[in-house]
Every structure is written in C-alpha cells, then in structure tokens.
Amino acid sequence: MTYENATEETLSISEEEAFGLSRAAVMLDQAKQNRADKAALATALNHNLELWVAIQGMVARRDNDLPESVKDNLISLGNYVADTTFKSADGLKDETIDTLININLQISEGLLEGHAAT
C-alpha cells in the first residue's frame, strides 16, 4: 500500500482538507525562499488557488451544514486568495505570500481542532 492510498483510507474529509492547506502553505513558503524560480512560485500559487476554488465550491453546496458565518468567512478568504493570485503577475511581496501561508495554516488548524472535537 502506498502512502497516498493509506492517507485516502485513514483521513477524514476535514483532515484531508487540512493536509491540503498545509501542503499548499509549504509549497508557497518554499517558492518564497527561492524567488529566482518563478515557475515554482507560479505553480504554488496556482495550486493554492485551485484548492481555494474547491473549498468555495464545497462551502456553496446546498447540503453543506456549516454555519452561515463560517461559510461567508471561507468565501471571503477564497476571494482574497483569488484576487491576490491574479495580481501575482505584478509580483508579490514576501509579506503577501506570508499572509497566504498564514491563512492556509490557520484554516488547517481550525479544521483539525474541529475534527478533534467530534
């Protein structure tokens, strides 16, 4: 059994989402550390954007039972991520990349705390 198969079989949806956000944060941080590799930054930003588009899609589903305030916050964060990513052609400051990283880590932590409470 591969690692990927093991994680698919053992992680809850919340844990998978938390793992995805953490992984995207690491990719962004690594790209920030090696600014000369513009392709790595573009890849990290695109991966992060795709993740947030997926999160927004899940939040918008009618059968999603999250409180409206949580849904609204996740939609707003997703919009911020999208706007920031689309502005990346002009170059992003390290502080902006750090903000994207921190958003991912904080939401990931919240997902894990919520999962642990169930």
Protein backbone atom coordinates (compact mmCIF):
# COMPACT_ATOMS: atom_id res chain seq x y z
CA MET A 1 0.00 0.00 0.00
CA THR A 2 1.40 3.41 -0.94
CA TYR A 3 1.38 6.44 1.34
CA GLU A 4 -1.27 8.10 -0.81
CA ASN A 5 -3.56 5.07 -0.56
CA ALA A 6 -3.01 4.87 3.18
CA THR A 7 -3.94 8.51 3.68
CA GLU A 8 -7.01 8.19 1.49
CA GLU A 9 -8.19 5.29 3.63
CA THR A 10 -7.39 6.76 7.04
CA LEU A 11 -8.01 10.52 6.85
CA SER A 12 -11.37 12.15 7.36
CA ILE A 13 -12.53 14.83 4.92
CA SER A 14 -11.56 17.54 7.42
CA GLU A 15 -8.12 16.00 7.85
CA GLU A 16 -7.66 15.75 4.07
CA GLU A 17 -8.61 19.41 3.67
CA ALA A 18 -6.25 20.39 6.49
CA PHE A 19 -3.45 18.36 4.89
CA GLY A 20 -4.10 20.02 1.52
CA LEU A 21 -3.98 23.50 3.04
CA SER A 22 -0.79 22.69 4.95
CA ARG A 23 0.82 21.27 1.81
CA ALA A 24 -0.11 24.39 -0.16
CA ALA A 25 1.38 26.55 2.62
CA VAL A 26 4.65 24.61 2.44
CA MET A 27 4.74 24.97 -1.36
CA LEU A 28 4.22 28.72 -1.06
CA ASP A 29 6.92 29.02 1.60
CA GLN A 30 9.43 27.03 -0.45
CA ALA A 31 8.68 29.16 -3.51
CA LYS A 32 9.11 32.32 -1.45
CA GLN A 33 12.50 31.10 -0.23
CA ASN A 34 13.65 30.57 -3.82
CA ARG A 35 12.29 33.66 -5.56
CA ALA A 36 14.59 33.10 -8.55
CA ASP A 37 12.45 30.10 -9.53
CA LYS A 38 9.43 31.95 -10.87
CA ALA A 39 7.87 28.73 -12.15
CA ALA A 40 7.81 27.27 -8.63
CA LEU A 41 6.00 30.35 -7.33
CA ALA A 42 3.50 30.21 -10.19
CA THR A 43 2.91 26.51 -9.53
CA ALA A 44 2.45 27.10 -5.79
CA LEU A 45 0.05 30.00 -6.37
CA ASN A 46 -1.97 28.03 -8.92
CA HIS A 47 -2.16 25.01 -6.61
CA ASN A 48 -3.29 27.22 -3.75
CA LEU A 49 -5.90 28.90 -5.93
CA GLU A 50 -7.27 25.55 -7.12
CA LEU A 51 -7.54 24.43 -3.51
CA TRP A 52 -9.47 27.53 -2.53
CA VAL A 53 -11.78 27.27 -5.54
CA ALA A 54 -12.56 23.72 -4.40
CA ILE A 55 -13.18 24.94 -0.84
CA GLN A 56 -15.54 27.62 -2.11
CA GLY A 57 -17.37 25.03 -4.19
CA MET A 58 -17.86 22.77 -1.17
CA VAL A 59 -18.97 25.66 1.01
CA ALA A 60 -21.52 26.80 -1.58
CA ARG A 61 -23.23 23.39 -1.78
CA ARG A 62 -26.80 23.35 -0.51
CA ASP A 63 -26.14 20.29 1.63
CA ASN A 64 -23.24 21.96 3.47
CA ASP A 65 -24.32 22.38 7.09
CA LEU A 66 -21.66 24.85 8.20
CA PRO A 67 -22.98 27.95 9.94
CA GLU A 68 -23.61 30.84 7.54
CA SER A 69 -20.94 32.98 9.23
CA VAL A 70 -18.31 30.28 8.62
CA LYS A 71 -19.43 29.89 5.02
CA ASP A 72 -19.24 33.66 4.49
CA ASN A 73 -15.74 33.79 6.01
CA LEU A 74 -14.47 30.94 3.84
CA ILE A 75 -15.96 32.52 0.71
CA SER A 76 -14.31 35.85 1.61
CA LEU A 77 -10.95 34.18 2.21
CA GLY A 78 -11.27 32.35 -1.10
CA ASN A 79 -12.00 35.64 -2.86
CA TYR A 80 -8.95 37.23 -1.22
CA VAL A 81 -6.77 34.30 -2.32
CA ALA A 82 -8.11 34.57 -5.88
CA ASP A 83 -7.65 38.35 -6.06
CA THR A 84 -4.14 38.09 -4.65
CA THR A 85 -3.21 35.29 -7.04
CA PHE A 86 -4.47 37.18 -10.06
CA LYS A 87 -2.37 40.19 -9.00
CA SER A 88 0.72 38.00 -8.78
CA ALA A 89 1.73 38.86 -12.35
CA ASP A 90 2.87 42.19 -10.92
CA GLY A 91 4.93 40.36 -8.32
CA LEU A 92 4.03 39.59 -4.75
CA LYS A 93 5.81 40.89 -1.70
CA ASP A 94 7.03 38.35 0.82
CA GLU A 95 4.50 39.73 3.30
CA THR A 96 1.66 38.93 0.92
CA ILE A 97 2.89 35.38 0.42
CA ASP A 98 3.21 35.09 4.21
CA THR A 99 -0.43 36.17 4.50
CA LEU A 100 -1.50 33.40 2.10
CA ILE A 101 0.58 30.90 4.06
CA ASN A 102 -0.90 32.03 7.38
CA ILE A 103 -4.46 31.83 6.06
CA ASN A 104 -3.88 28.24 4.99
CA LEU A 105 -2.25 27.26 8.28
CA GLN A 106 -4.94 28.88 10.41
CA ILE A 107 -7.79 27.27 8.48
CA SER A 108 -5.94 23.95 8.56
CA GLU A 109 -5.56 24.22 12.31
CA GLY A 110 -9.24 25.08 12.69
CA LEU A 111 -10.24 22.05 10.65
CA LEU A 112 -8.09 19.76 12.79
CA GLU A 113 -9.41 21.27 16.03
CA GLY A 114 -12.96 20.86 14.78
CA HIS A 115 -12.26 17.26 13.83
CA ALA A 116 -10.70 16.52 17.21
CA ALA A 117 -13.77 17.92 18.95
CA THR A 118 -16.09 15.45 17.19
